Structure formats: C-alpha cells, structure tokens
Amino acid sequence: MPRKEESERISGIDTAWLRMEQPTNLMMITGVMIFAERLDYERLRTVIENRFLKYRRFIQRAVQKSAGAFWESDPYFDIRRHLLRTALPGRADQAELQYLASDLMSTPLDFSKPLWQFHLVEDYQGGSAIILRIHHCYADGIALIHVLLSLTDPAPDAQSPPAEAVERIEEDGIFRRFFEPVDKLMSALKVGRGLVGEGFDLVRHPTQALDYARNGAQLAAEIARLALMNNDSPTRFKGKLGVTKRVAWAEPLNLPEVKAVARALGGSVNDVLLACVAGALRDYLLEQGDPVPGNLEVRAVIPVNLRPLEKAANLGNFFGLVFLALPVGIANPLERVYEVRRRMNALKDSYQPILALGLLGAAGMGPNLLQQSLLEILSKKVSAVMTNVPGPREAIYLGGARLAEMMFWVPQSGQIGMGVSILSYHNRVHFGLVADRKLIDDPGAVISRFAGEFEKLLFVTLMSPWDQELDARQVEQSFTAWYGRDRGAESSSHGRKHSPPPFEKGGPGGIPHGQRG
C-alpha cells in the first residue's frame, strides 16, 4: 500500500546541487568500502533499515517543479531498489572493482525514487565490498560521513546501538575529530560560531552571507579577487568532457610516517599530501611529453566545512570553497612543500568559503540560467576538486565485517573533469582519483605516482642533518643527482620514468624505512 506523500521545500543550497546535474557530470557522492570479511546481505539490510533510514530524508525523492524544488516521500519506497547485490566478472580483483565503480559513477540515479543506492559485492578477495552512491543534494561529505559512522560499530559482535548512539559517537571523539580542523579554520576565517549565534541561518537565507561579506573591505577585495581570477592553465587536465568517468585508488601510505615528515619539515600533514598531489600531476605531464614550465600551476577547489559540531547530525549542504593553485611547475619536492604551505597559510584569512556558500545558496534560489552561468565561470578557473578528510583512527565494523579500506569522491561540476580524494583511516592515508575518460583514460597512471612523491620527501628528510632546519635550496643539487632532472630541463625528461630509492630494503646509511629517530 502506498505511503502518504509529504512535501517540503528544498533549501536554496541543496537546490543548487540538485540543478547542477549534467550528463557529463553527475552530482553523486560515491564511496568504495572494502571489508576483510564477507558481509551478509540480510544483516546489512537490517543495519540500513534501523540506522540509515532513521533519517527521514532517505525515503524522500527530490522533485523539481515550476514553483521550485521539493522533498516528497516516495509512496512506493522499497529498500530492495536501493540495496542491490552485484558480482564482479573474471578475477574479481581491484581492477574489476574499479571498473564497476567507474561504470556506476557514469550512470545516473533514478529521479523517480530516493537518490541513493548501496551496491554490495558479496565476494571480493575473500571479503566483500560496497559501492555507495548518493546525490549531493541530500548531504555534503561531512554530513554523509556522520551518517555512515552511525552505521558502524567498534567491534564485530557489538550490539545494536541505542537511540542516543549519535551523541555517544560525538562524545567518544570518533566524529569530533572531523571538526577539530574545521573549528580552527572557522576561527581563522572569522566566521565561526559567532556567525551562527548572531542569527545568520545561511542555509535558509544564504543571501545574508553576501550581506555579511559586503560589510568589510577585506571581503569586498575577496569578491574582486574571485571575479578577476584567471582561468586555469590549459593542461591536459582541462578540456571537453564526456559521459564516462574512470576511477582508481592507490596503495595507502603509513600515516605516522607522513606525520613524522610533516613535523620534520615544520608543516602540516595537509601540506605534505597536497605537495605529493602536485608532484604526481607534474610527473604525469612530463611522461606524457607535455611542457611543464617552472611557473605552471593547476588550480584545485577544496570544500571547507562550515557546519558547527552541534549540527553534525543535520543533512543538507553547509560548506564553502577555497581555490588553491598547486605549484606543479616546481621540481624540487621540498620547495614544493614549502610553497604549498605558504599558499595554504595565505588562505587561512580568506573569506572565500563564506562567499562561495552565499553564492551557491543565492544561485539555487534564482533562475537556473543564472546558476549555470555562474557554474560555467567558476569551473573555468579550476581543473580539479580535492577533498582531504580525517577518518577514524581505530578499525570499525559494519554488519560484523571489519572495514579494511575506504575511499570517497565528491562530484565535479560544470567543466571540471578531475577529482582527488584523500582520506585517512586506521593510521593509513588512502588516495583516490576520478577523471573524465576524455581527459585521463587511465587514472591509475596518475594515482600510482603519489607514493613515489612521498618517498622522495621521506628520502630528503632522512638524509638531512637532524640538527638543522631543512632548506630547499641546499637539497636542490642532491635532488638533481638522485632523479636525473633539474628545474630548467623539463623538456629533456619527457618519456622518462624515475624510480624513488629502495626504501623497503633500508635507505642510505642503513636507516630502515620509517625508523628515523
């Protein structure tokens, strides 16, 4: 028997993400979760029914009408249409799972139903895998991770959590860690809790963010900088998009090692990881025979959470955006880290996130043509969307199976054709890349370079004097000798592959990998 239909208006910001849907860029958040043990379908179904569907939004569909966009209850909701069994062909290895994830990322969700699906691969390398798809109009990445954590347990035989499970998750600190860097950033952005306390409801009234921005000369300057920002560099990472996406992920890095290198360099883990991304993009361009001048930049847009902790359980979208130009032209990996750190520090006083939030909300409440024009302008300024999310430090379990690896990708929009995902979980850093097939046919050829870029930094750190601060200029000559290229001779490096030192067998001087100090 059909359920009674209920209707409520979709907020301006969520409407903006709903209307961004295009055949060449579907607005889905996609996740891949790999489990060490087999997942039982019926047990997984029980978890989803009891914990996922307690959010009423997930039995509602998004309906666009002439009067606006509305959430409406699906009168024929059936969980079997959203929790699907699937199987991999052939060897059922990582390549096959990546192909399946790619196909699903290229396939639209059914707008006649609630816009989410769990695809269960019951037999994957002795365990199981889940590919999750959910439309961005339902929630942003932080809210969705909160939802997914509420599905998990700290042990395989844990009992079903009580109704106050969400509060316990926050109190135990599992989810609070997502907000630690957010609170610091909001403080630096000067738009922290005081903004909410003053009565600004940016989701329901996003134009107030713009009113707030107009009150200061610094914010006015930010608007001017955004409007006058040049289009991004014309590399192979930009171009006409198709409808087929390709996804790949790399072997994870050891998080304690990344933290040790970051401390030695006087920067943050984020600085190190972003520098590795820039180095991997650079190395890929060189191998493809593309020119890489020293001043080449590839600009990425980075989502910034603006949701306070007390609203962690709320669905919807509540984030801004910052634009970071990755210094791809810098060959020296140490110099690249310092430059990324300098640029990230410059963004800490930026009002870009709150400005982007207001623009998206205002566009979502205005004519669709206006939103598409804004989207076209902004997407020309960047080549990639990048996310960096800190996950649980301890192993977690879903349906009794231990989660071994996980990756998530937010959608690209407009003419942006590449997305980079960095997610830490259980002391490991997971890298994922999704790209439009017309731009990068094999994203694995890019993502596989991330580990090598980190090993370069690790090598430089291990070989430096321990009682002195590392200096990029001092290691330039050694770096050139190690890798056979210098900053002024990129053209001679085309087509050459460079292998990092063999850390697995102990670095120079007999220092084992990861055991400095």
Foldseek 3Di string as FASTA:
>chain_A
DFDDKDKDAQFLLLLLLVLLADLQFHQKKKKKFWFQAFFDLVLLVVLCVVQVCVPVQQQWFWDQDPVHIMTMGQRPDDCPVAEEEDEFPDPLAQVRVQVVLQVVSLDAADRSGAFKHWYKHRDHPNYIMIMIIHGCSWFDPLLVVLSVVLQWAQALPDDNDDPCSSVVCVVVPQSVVQCPVQQVLCVLQVCAPVVVVVPDPCRRPVLVLVVVLVPDPQSVVLVVCLVPQDFADPDLLFDDFDSGKGKDWEDWAQQVLLQVLCVLQVHHSVLLLLLLLLQLVLVVCQQVLHDQAQAHWAKEKEWRARDDPVCSNPGGYHIFIDIDTQRSLDNQSSVSSVVSRVRVVVCSNHNRGSVRSSVSSVCSPDDSVVSLVVQQSNQRRHQEYEYAGEHGQHWIGHSSTTGDDMWIWGIDGDRHFKYWYWYDYNRIIMIMMMGRCSSPVDCCSRNHSSVQSSLSSSLQSLPDPSVDRDDSVVCQVVVCVQFVDHSVPSSVSHNPDGGHPPQCCAHPPRHHPPPDD
